[in-house]
PDB file of all heavy atoms in Angstrom:
ATOM      1  N   LEU A   1     -42.302 -23.440 -17.493  1.00  0.00           N
ATOM      2  CA  LEU A   1     -41.375 -22.611 -16.730  1.00  0.00           C
ATOM      3  C   LEU A   1     -40.185 -23.436 -16.249  1.00  0.00           C
ATOM      4  O   LEU A   1     -39.025 -23.003 -16.338  1.00  0.00           O
ATOM      5  CB  LEU A   1     -42.088 -21.983 -15.528  1.00  0.00           C
ATOM      6  CG  LEU A   1     -43.073 -20.844 -15.830  1.00  0.00           C
ATOM      7  CD1 LEU A   1     -43.952 -20.563 -14.609  1.00  0.00           C
ATOM      8  CD2 LEU A   1     -42.334 -19.580 -16.243  1.00  0.00           C
ATOM      9  N   THR A   2     -40.476 -24.628 -15.747  1.00  0.00           N
ATOM     10  CA  THR A   2     -39.414 -25.496 -15.228  1.00  0.00           C
ATOM     11  C   THR A   2     -38.451 -25.906 -16.334  1.00  0.00           C
ATOM     12  O   THR A   2     -37.227 -25.879 -16.166  1.00  0.00           O
ATOM     13  CB  THR A   2     -40.025 -26.744 -14.571  1.00  0.00           C
ATOM     14  OG1 THR A   2     -40.892 -26.330 -13.502  1.00  0.00           O
ATOM     15  CG2 THR A   2     -38.946 -27.653 -14.013  1.00  0.00           C
ATOM     16  N   GLN A   3     -38.986 -26.278 -17.487  1.00  0.00           N
ATOM     17  CA  GLN A   3     -38.143 -26.704 -18.599  1.00  0.00           C
ATOM     18  C   GLN A   3     -37.298 -25.542 -19.119  1.00  0.00           C
ATOM     19  O   GLN A   3     -36.089 -25.684 -19.347  1.00  0.00           O
ATOM     20  CB  GLN A   3     -38.995 -27.267 -19.731  1.00  0.00           C
ATOM     21  CG  GLN A   3     -38.171 -27.785 -20.905  1.00  0.00           C
ATOM     22  CD  GLN A   3     -39.029 -28.471 -21.954  1.00  0.00           C
ATOM     23  OE1 GLN A   3     -40.246 -28.599 -21.790  1.00  0.00           O
ATOM     24  NE2 GLN A   3     -38.416 -28.912 -23.034  1.00  0.00           N
ATOM     25  N   ALA A   4     -37.931 -24.393 -19.321  1.00  0.00           N
ATOM     26  CA  ALA A   4     -37.197 -23.241 -19.848  1.00  0.00           C
ATOM     27  C   ALA A   4     -36.113 -22.786 -18.882  1.00  0.00           C
ATOM     28  O   ALA A   4     -35.004 -22.443 -19.301  1.00  0.00           O
ATOM     29  CB  ALA A   4     -38.168 -22.094 -20.135  1.00  0.00           C
ATOM     30  N   TRP A   5     -36.415 -22.801 -17.588  1.00  0.00           N
ATOM     31  CA  TRP A   5     -35.422 -22.397 -16.601  1.00  0.00           C
ATOM     32  C   TRP A   5     -34.242 -23.379 -16.580  1.00  0.00           C
ATOM     33  O   TRP A   5     -33.090 -22.974 -16.533  1.00  0.00           O
ATOM     34  CB  TRP A   5     -36.058 -22.304 -15.221  1.00  0.00           C
ATOM     35  CG  TRP A   5     -35.115 -21.780 -14.168  1.00  0.00           C
ATOM     36  CD1 TRP A   5     -34.240 -22.486 -13.398  1.00  0.00           C
ATOM     37  CD2 TRP A   5     -34.939 -20.406 -13.799  1.00  0.00           C
ATOM     38  NE1 TRP A   5     -33.533 -21.654 -12.572  1.00  0.00           N
ATOM     39  CE2 TRP A   5     -33.936 -20.374 -12.794  1.00  0.00           C
ATOM     40  CE3 TRP A   5     -35.532 -19.217 -14.215  1.00  0.00           C
ATOM     41  CZ2 TRP A   5     -33.526 -19.178 -12.204  1.00  0.00           C
ATOM     42  CZ3 TRP A   5     -35.122 -18.029 -13.617  1.00  0.00           C
ATOM     43  CH2 TRP A   5     -34.129 -18.015 -12.631  1.00  0.00           C
ATOM     44  N   GLY A   6     -34.546 -24.649 -16.635  1.00  0.00           N
ATOM     45  CA  GLY A   6     -33.499 -25.665 -16.553  1.00  0.00           C
ATOM     46  C   GLY A   6     -32.609 -25.721 -17.772  1.00  0.00           C
ATOM     47  O   GLY A   6     -31.470 -26.186 -17.692  1.00  0.00           O
ATOM     48  N   GLU A   7     -33.112 -25.244 -18.901  1.00  0.00           N
ATOM     49  CA  GLU A   7     -32.333 -25.332 -20.128  1.00  0.00           C
ATOM     50  C   GLU A   7     -31.692 -24.017 -20.533  1.00  0.00           C
ATOM     51  O   GLU A   7     -31.188 -23.887 -21.657  1.00  0.00           O
ATOM     52  CB  GLU A   7     -33.218 -25.847 -21.269  1.00  0.00           C
ATOM     53  CG  GLU A   7     -33.679 -27.278 -21.039  1.00  0.00           C
ATOM     54  CD  GLU A   7     -34.462 -27.834 -22.214  1.00  0.00           C
ATOM     55  OE1 GLU A   7     -34.475 -27.186 -23.275  1.00  0.00           O
ATOM     56  OE2 GLU A   7     -35.067 -28.913 -22.059  1.00  0.00           O
ATOM     57  N   ARG A   8     -31.686 -23.061 -19.609  1.00  0.00           N
ATOM     58  CA  ARG A   8     -30.987 -21.822 -19.920  1.00  0.00           C
ATOM     59  C   ARG A   8     -29.497 -22.112 -20.097  1.00  0.00           C
ATOM     60  O   ARG A   8     -28.905 -22.844 -19.311  1.00  0.00           O
ATOM     61  CB  ARG A   8     -31.161 -20.803 -18.786  1.00  0.00           C
ATOM     62  CG  ARG A   8     -32.573 -20.237 -18.682  1.00  0.00           C
ATOM     63  CD  ARG A   8     -32.678 -19.322 -17.478  1.00  0.00           C
ATOM     64  NE  ARG A   8     -32.244 -20.033 -16.277  1.00  0.00           N
ATOM     65  CZ  ARG A   8     -31.532 -19.485 -15.302  1.00  0.00           C
ATOM     66  NH1 ARG A   8     -31.168 -18.226 -15.375  1.00  0.00           N
ATOM     67  NH2 ARG A   8     -31.189 -20.191 -14.245  1.00  0.00           N
ATOM     68  N   ALA A   9     -28.905 -21.555 -21.124  1.00  0.00           N
ATOM     69  CA  ALA A   9     -27.485 -21.804 -21.402  1.00  0.00           C
ATOM     70  C   ALA A   9     -26.625 -21.063 -20.391  1.00  0.00           C
ATOM     71  O   ALA A   9     -26.862 -19.889 -20.115  1.00  0.00           O
ATOM     72  CB  ALA A   9     -27.151 -21.341 -22.811  1.00  0.00           C
ATOM     73  N   PRO A  10     -25.612 -21.740 -19.824  1.00  0.00           N
ATOM     74  CA  PRO A  10     -24.706 -21.045 -18.920  1.00  0.00           C
ATOM     75  C   PRO A  10     -23.867 -20.033 -19.679  1.00  0.00           C
ATOM     76  O   PRO A  10     -23.641 -20.169 -20.887  1.00  0.00           O
ATOM     77  CB  PRO A  10     -23.834 -22.170 -18.348  1.00  0.00           C
ATOM     78  CG  PRO A  10     -23.870 -23.222 -19.395  1.00  0.00           C
ATOM     79  CD  PRO A  10     -25.245 -23.149 -20.011  1.00  0.00           C
ATOM     80  N   LEU A  11     -23.408 -19.014 -18.988  1.00  0.00           N
ATOM     81  CA  LEU A  11     -22.595 -17.981 -19.603  1.00  0.00           C
ATOM     82  C   LEU A  11     -21.223 -18.541 -19.974  1.00  0.00           C
ATOM     83  O   LEU A  11     -20.572 -19.204 -19.170  1.00  0.00           O
ATOM     84  CB  LEU A  11     -22.424 -16.805 -18.629  1.00  0.00           C
ATOM     85  CG  LEU A  11     -21.701 -15.567 -19.152  1.00  0.00           C
ATOM     86  CD1 LEU A  11     -22.533 -14.909 -20.240  1.00  0.00           C
ATOM     87  CD2 LEU A  11     -21.444 -14.591 -18.014  1.00  0.00           C
ATOM     88  N   THR A  12     -20.794 -18.276 -21.201  1.00  0.00           N
ATOM     89  CA  THR A  12     -19.482 -18.700 -21.663  1.00  0.00           C
ATOM     90  C   THR A  12     -18.586 -17.474 -21.821  1.00  0.00           C
ATOM     91  O   THR A  12     -18.924 -16.526 -22.532  1.00  0.00           O
ATOM     92  CB  THR A  12     -19.582 -19.416 -23.024  1.00  0.00           C
ATOM     93  OG1 THR A  12     -20.438 -20.564 -22.869  1.00  0.00           O
ATOM     94  CG2 THR A  12     -18.209 -19.865 -23.508  1.00  0.00           C
ATOM     95  N   LEU A  13     -17.442 -17.472 -21.132  1.00  0.00           N
ATOM     96  CA  LEU A  13     -16.508 -16.369 -21.237  1.00  0.00           C
ATOM     97  C   LEU A  13     -15.633 -16.567 -22.462  1.00  0.00           C
ATOM     98  O   LEU A  13     -15.086 -17.649 -22.688  1.00  0.00           O
ATOM     99  CB  LEU A  13     -15.639 -16.293 -19.978  1.00  0.00           C
ATOM    100  CG  LEU A  13     -16.388 -15.980 -18.668  1.00  0.00           C
ATOM    101  CD1 LEU A  13     -15.418 -16.013 -17.494  1.00  0.00           C
ATOM    102  CD2 LEU A  13     -17.070 -14.622 -18.747  1.00  0.00           C
ATOM    103  N   VAL A  14     -15.477 -15.519 -23.253  1.00  0.00           N
ATOM    104  CA  VAL A  14     -14.708 -15.634 -24.485  1.00  0.00           C
ATOM    105  C   VAL A  14     -13.260 -15.197 -24.300  1.00  0.00           C
ATOM    106  O   VAL A  14     -12.427 -15.443 -25.159  1.00  0.00           O
ATOM    107  CB  VAL A  14     -15.352 -14.803 -25.621  1.00  0.00           C
ATOM    108  CG1 VAL A  14     -16.723 -15.345 -25.944  1.00  0.00           C
ATOM    109  CG2 VAL A  14     -15.445 -13.325 -25.240  1.00  0.00           C
ATOM    110  N   ASP A  15     -12.933 -14.530 -23.188  1.00  0.00           N
ATOM    111  CA  ASP A  15     -11.566 -14.111 -22.920  1.00  0.00           C
ATOM    112  C   ASP A  15     -11.060 -14.771 -21.652  1.00  0.00           C
ATOM    113  O   ASP A  15     -11.844 -15.239 -20.819  1.00  0.00           O
ATOM    114  CB  ASP A  15     -11.469 -12.588 -22.766  1.00  0.00           C
ATOM    115  CG  ASP A  15     -11.732 -11.866 -24.074  1.00  0.00           C
ATOM    116  OD1 ASP A  15     -11.253 -12.356 -25.110  1.00  0.00           O
ATOM    117  OD2 ASP A  15     -12.433 -10.851 -24.042  1.00  0.00           O
ATOM    118  N   GLY A  16      -9.745 -14.775 -21.482  1.00  0.00           N
ATOM    119  CA  GLY A  16      -9.171 -15.320 -20.267  1.00  0.00           C
ATOM    120  C   GLY A  16      -9.328 -14.375 -19.105  1.00  0.00           C
ATOM    121  O   GLY A  16     -10.003 -13.347 -19.183  1.00  0.00           O
ATOM    122  N   ALA A  17      -8.683 -14.731 -17.995  1.00  0.00           N
ATOM    123  CA  ALA A  17      -8.791 -13.918 -16.793  1.00  0.00           C
ATOM    124  C   ALA A  17      -8.202 -12.541 -17.024  1.00  0.00           C
ATOM    125  O   ALA A  17      -7.230 -12.356 -17.755  1.00  0.00           O
ATOM    126  CB  ALA A  17      -8.070 -14.611 -15.631  1.00  0.00           C
ATOM    127  N   ALA A  18      -8.791 -11.533 -16.400  1.00  0.00           N
ATOM    128  CA  ALA A  18      -8.308 -10.160 -16.484  1.00  0.00           C
ATOM    129  C   ALA A  18      -8.694  -9.452 -15.199  1.00  0.00           C
ATOM    130  O   ALA A  18      -9.492  -9.963 -14.409  1.00  0.00           O
ATOM    131  CB  ALA A  18      -8.894  -9.448 -17.696  1.00  0.00           C
ATOM    132  N   ASP A  19      -8.108  -8.284 -14.988  1.00  0.00           N
ATOM    133  CA  ASP A  19      -8.442  -7.531 -13.784  1.00  0.00           C
ATOM    134  C   ASP A  19      -9.934  -7.222 -13.759  1.00  0.00           C
ATOM    135  O   ASP A  19     -10.533  -6.870 -14.778  1.00  0.00           O
ATOM    136  CB  ASP A  19      -7.654  -6.219 -13.742  1.00  0.00           C
ATOM    137  CG  ASP A  19      -6.163  -6.468 -13.576  1.00  0.00           C
ATOM    138  OD1 ASP A  19      -5.806  -7.534 -13.054  1.00  0.00           O
ATOM    139  OD2 ASP A  19      -5.370  -5.599 -13.983  1.00  0.00           O
ATOM    140  N   ALA A  20     -10.552  -7.373 -12.596  1.00  0.00           N
ATOM    141  CA  ALA A  20     -11.977  -7.104 -12.455  1.00  0.00           C
ATOM    142  C   ALA A  20     -12.287  -6.740 -11.016  1.00  0.00           C
ATOM    143  O   ALA A  20     -11.489  -6.993 -10.117  1.00  0.00           O
ATOM    144  CB  ALA A  20     -12.796  -8.328 -12.877  1.00  0.00           C
ATOM    145  N   CYS A  21     -13.450  -6.148 -10.815  1.00  0.00           N
ATOM    146  CA  CYS A  21     -13.911  -5.813  -9.467  1.00  0.00           C
ATOM    147  C   CYS A  21     -14.858  -6.892  -8.991  1.00  0.00           C
ATOM    148  O   CYS A  21     -15.667  -7.413  -9.765  1.00  0.00           O
ATOM    149  CB  CYS A  21     -14.628  -4.468  -9.467  1.00  0.00           C
ATOM    150  SG  CYS A  21     -13.571  -3.092  -9.953  1.00  0.00           S
ATOM    151  N   GLY A  22     -14.769  -7.242  -7.704  1.00  0.00           N
ATOM    152  CA  GLY A  22     -15.628  -8.261  -7.136  1.00  0.00           C
ATOM    153  C   GLY A  22     -16.443  -7.731  -5.979  1.00  0.00           C
ATOM    154  O   GLY A  22     -16.477  -6.522  -5.727  1.00  0.00           O
ATOM    155  N   PRO A  23     -17.121  -8.621  -5.243  1.00  0.00           N
ATOM    156  CA  PRO A  23     -17.958  -8.205  -4.119  1.00  0.00           C
ATOM    157  C   PRO A  23     -17.199  -7.426  -3.054  1.00  0.00           C
ATOM    158  O   PRO A  23     -17.774  -6.603  -2.337  1.00  0.00           O
ATOM    159  CB  PRO A  23     -18.493  -9.532  -3.560  1.00  0.00           C
ATOM    160  CG  PRO A  23     -18.328 -10.513  -4.663  1.00  0.00           C
ATOM    161  CD  PRO A  23     -17.137 -10.070  -5.438  1.00  0.00           C
ATOM    162  N   ASP A  24     -15.900  -7.695  -2.937  1.00  0.00           N
ATOM    163  CA  ASP A  24     -15.099  -7.017  -1.913  1.00  0.00           C
ATOM    164  C   ASP A  24     -14.407  -5.772  -2.446  1.00  0.00           C
ATOM    165  O   ASP A  24     -13.547  -5.196  -1.786  1.00  0.00           O
ATOM    166  CB  ASP A  24     -14.043  -7.982  -1.357  1.00  0.00           C
ATOM    167  CG  ASP A  24     -14.701  -9.187  -0.684  1.00  0.00           C
ATOM    168  OD1 ASP A  24     -15.747  -8.984  -0.041  1.00  0.00           O
ATOM    169  OD2 ASP A  24     -14.176 -10.301  -0.835  1.00  0.00           O
ATOM    170  N   GLY A  25     -14.764  -5.353  -3.632  1.00  0.00           N
ATOM    171  CA  GLY A  25     -14.166  -4.151  -4.184  1.00  0.00           C
ATOM    172  C   GLY A  25     -13.151  -4.459  -5.258  1.00  0.00           C
ATOM    173  O   GLY A  25     -13.098  -5.566  -5.794  1.00  0.00           O
ATOM    174  N   CYS A  26     -12.339  -3.467  -5.593  1.00  0.00           N
ATOM    175  CA  CYS A  26     -11.344  -3.606  -6.648  1.00  0.00           C
ATOM    176  C   CYS A  26      -9.949  -3.621  -6.037  1.00  0.00           C
ATOM    177  O   CYS A  26      -9.612  -2.755  -5.229  1.00  0.00           O
ATOM    178  CB  CYS A  26     -11.443  -2.450  -7.639  1.00  0.00           C
ATOM    179  SG  CYS A  26     -13.044  -2.358  -8.462  1.00  0.00           S
ATOM    180  N   ALA A  27      -9.159  -4.593  -6.431  1.00  0.00           N
ATOM    181  CA  ALA A  27      -7.772  -4.661  -5.956  1.00  0.00           C
ATOM    182  C   ALA A  27      -6.934  -3.694  -6.767  1.00  0.00           C
ATOM    183  O   ALA A  27      -6.884  -3.775  -7.995  1.00  0.00           O
ATOM    184  CB  ALA A  27      -7.243  -6.080  -6.093  1.00  0.00           C
ATOM    185  N   VAL A  28      -6.300  -2.750  -6.083  1.00  0.00           N
ATOM    186  CA  VAL A  28      -5.480  -1.757  -6.769  1.00  0.00           C
ATOM    187  C   VAL A  28      -4.024  -2.075  -6.508  1.00  0.00           C
ATOM    188  O   VAL A  28      -3.579  -2.045  -5.347  1.00  0.00           O
ATOM    189  CB  VAL A  28      -5.800  -0.336  -6.271  1.00  0.00           C
ATOM    190  CG1 VAL A  28      -4.941   0.682  -7.013  1.00  0.00           C
ATOM    191  CG2 VAL A  28      -7.281  -0.042  -6.460  1.00  0.00           C
ATOM    192  N   PRO A  29      -3.230  -2.447  -7.518  1.00  0.00           N
ATOM    193  CA  PRO A  29      -1.815  -2.782  -7.302  1.00  0.00           C
ATOM    194  C   PRO A  29      -1.039  -1.552  -6.878  1.00  0.00           C
ATOM    195  O   PRO A  29      -1.366  -0.433  -7.300  1.00  0.00           O
ATOM    196  CB  PRO A  29      -1.360  -3.298  -8.665  1.00  0.00           C
ATOM    197  CG  PRO A  29      -2.289  -2.638  -9.637  1.00  0.00           C
ATOM    198  CD  PRO A  29      -3.604  -2.517  -8.933  1.00  0.00           C
ATOM    199  N   PRO A  30      -0.020  -1.751  -6.009  1.00  0.00           N
ATOM    200  CA  PRO A  30       0.793  -0.603  -5.596  1.00  0.00           C
ATOM    201  C   PRO A  30       1.586  -0.061  -6.764  1.00  0.00           C
ATOM    202  O   PRO A  30       1.979  -0.791  -7.671  1.00  0.00           O
ATOM    203  CB  PRO A  30       1.702  -1.188  -4.516  1.00  0.00           C
ATOM    204  CG  PRO A  30       1.791  -2.633  -4.851  1.00  0.00           C
ATOM    205  CD  PRO A  30       0.454  -3.014  -5.414  1.00  0.00           C
ATOM    206  N   ARG A  31       1.805   1.261  -6.756  1.00  0.00           N
ATOM    207  CA  ARG A  31       2.621   1.865  -7.804  1.00  0.00           C
ATOM    208  C   ARG A  31       4.084   1.512  -7.592  1.00  0.00           C
ATOM    209  O   ARG A  31       4.552   1.444  -6.469  1.00  0.00           O
ATOM    210  CB  ARG A  31       2.457   3.385  -7.780  1.00  0.00           C
ATOM    211  CG  ARG A  31       1.083   3.881  -8.210  1.00  0.00           C
ATOM    212  CD  ARG A  31       1.013   5.387  -8.131  1.00  0.00           C
ATOM    213  NE  ARG A  31       1.198   5.833  -6.730  1.00  0.00           N
ATOM    214  CZ  ARG A  31       1.433   7.101  -6.392  1.00  0.00           C
ATOM    215  NH1 ARG A  31       1.578   8.008  -7.335  1.00  0.00           N
ATOM    216  NH2 ARG A  31       1.553   7.426  -5.126  1.00  0.00           N
ATOM    217  N   GLU A  32       4.770   1.301  -8.708  1.00  0.00           N
ATOM    218  CA  GLU A  32       6.205   1.016  -8.611  1.00  0.00           C
ATOM    219  C   GLU A  32       6.971   2.297  -8.301  1.00  0.00           C
ATOM    220  O   GLU A  32       6.574   3.386  -8.713  1.00  0.00           O
ATOM    221  CB  GLU A  32       6.709   0.422  -9.925  1.00  0.00           C
ATOM    222  CG  GLU A  32       6.144  -0.953 -10.234  1.00  0.00           C
ATOM    223  CD  GLU A  32       6.727  -1.513 -11.503  1.00  0.00           C
ATOM    224  OE1 GLU A  32       7.608  -0.833 -12.095  1.00  0.00           O
ATOM    225  OE2 GLU A  32       6.300  -2.604 -11.906  1.00  0.00           O
ATOM    226  N   ASN A  33       8.090   2.126  -7.554  1.00  0.00           N
ATOM    227  CA  ASN A  33       8.936   3.278  -7.236  1.00  0.00           C
ATOM    228  C   ASN A  33       9.827   3.553  -8.437  1.00  0.00           C
ATOM    229  O   ASN A  33      10.844   2.892  -8.656  1.00  0.00           O
ATOM    230  CB  ASN A  33       9.797   2.964  -5.994  1.00  0.00           C
ATOM    231  CG  ASN A  33      10.590   4.178  -5.557  1.00  0.00           C
ATOM    232  OD1 ASN A  33      10.558   5.211  -6.204  1.00  0.00           O
ATOM    233  ND2 ASN A  33      11.301   4.011  -4.446  1.00  0.00           N
ATOM    234  N   THR A  34       9.405   4.487  -9.266  1.00  0.00           N
ATOM    235  CA  THR A  34      10.149   4.771 -10.504  1.00  0.00           C
ATOM    236  C   THR A  34      11.171   5.868 -10.359  1.00  0.00           C
ATOM    237  O   THR A  34      11.919   6.165 -11.283  1.00  0.00           O
ATOM    238  CB  THR A  34       9.144   5.164 -11.623  1.00  0.00           C
ATOM    239  OG1 THR A  34       8.423   6.305 -11.192  1.00  0.00           O
ATOM    240  CG2 THR A  34       8.193   4.031 -11.897  1.00  0.00           C
ATOM    241  N   GLN A  35      11.252   6.458  -9.185  1.00  0.00           N
ATOM    242  CA  GLN A  35      12.207   7.565  -8.983  1.00  0.00           C
ATOM    243  C   GLN A  35      12.716   7.510  -7.572  1.00  0.00           C
ATOM    244  O   GLN A  35      11.928   7.309  -6.637  1.00  0.00           O
ATOM    245  CB  GLN A  35      11.514   8.907  -9.272  1.00  0.00           C
ATOM    246  CG  GLN A  35      12.422  10.112  -9.103  1.00  0.00           C
ATOM    247  CD  GLN A  35      11.702  11.407  -9.443  1.00  0.00           C
ATOM    248  OE1 GLN A  35      10.763  11.388 -10.197  1.00  0.00           O
ATOM    249  NE2 GLN A  35      12.149  12.482  -8.861  1.00  0.00           N
TER     250      GLN A  35
END
């Protein structure tokens, strides 16, 4: 159990940063004044 737990591969992200929701919720950008 100890060996298998210690050798678990860490998660590798294949894309760069992008909008996401976190523990504090989702950040919603303000709408632009288009008119």
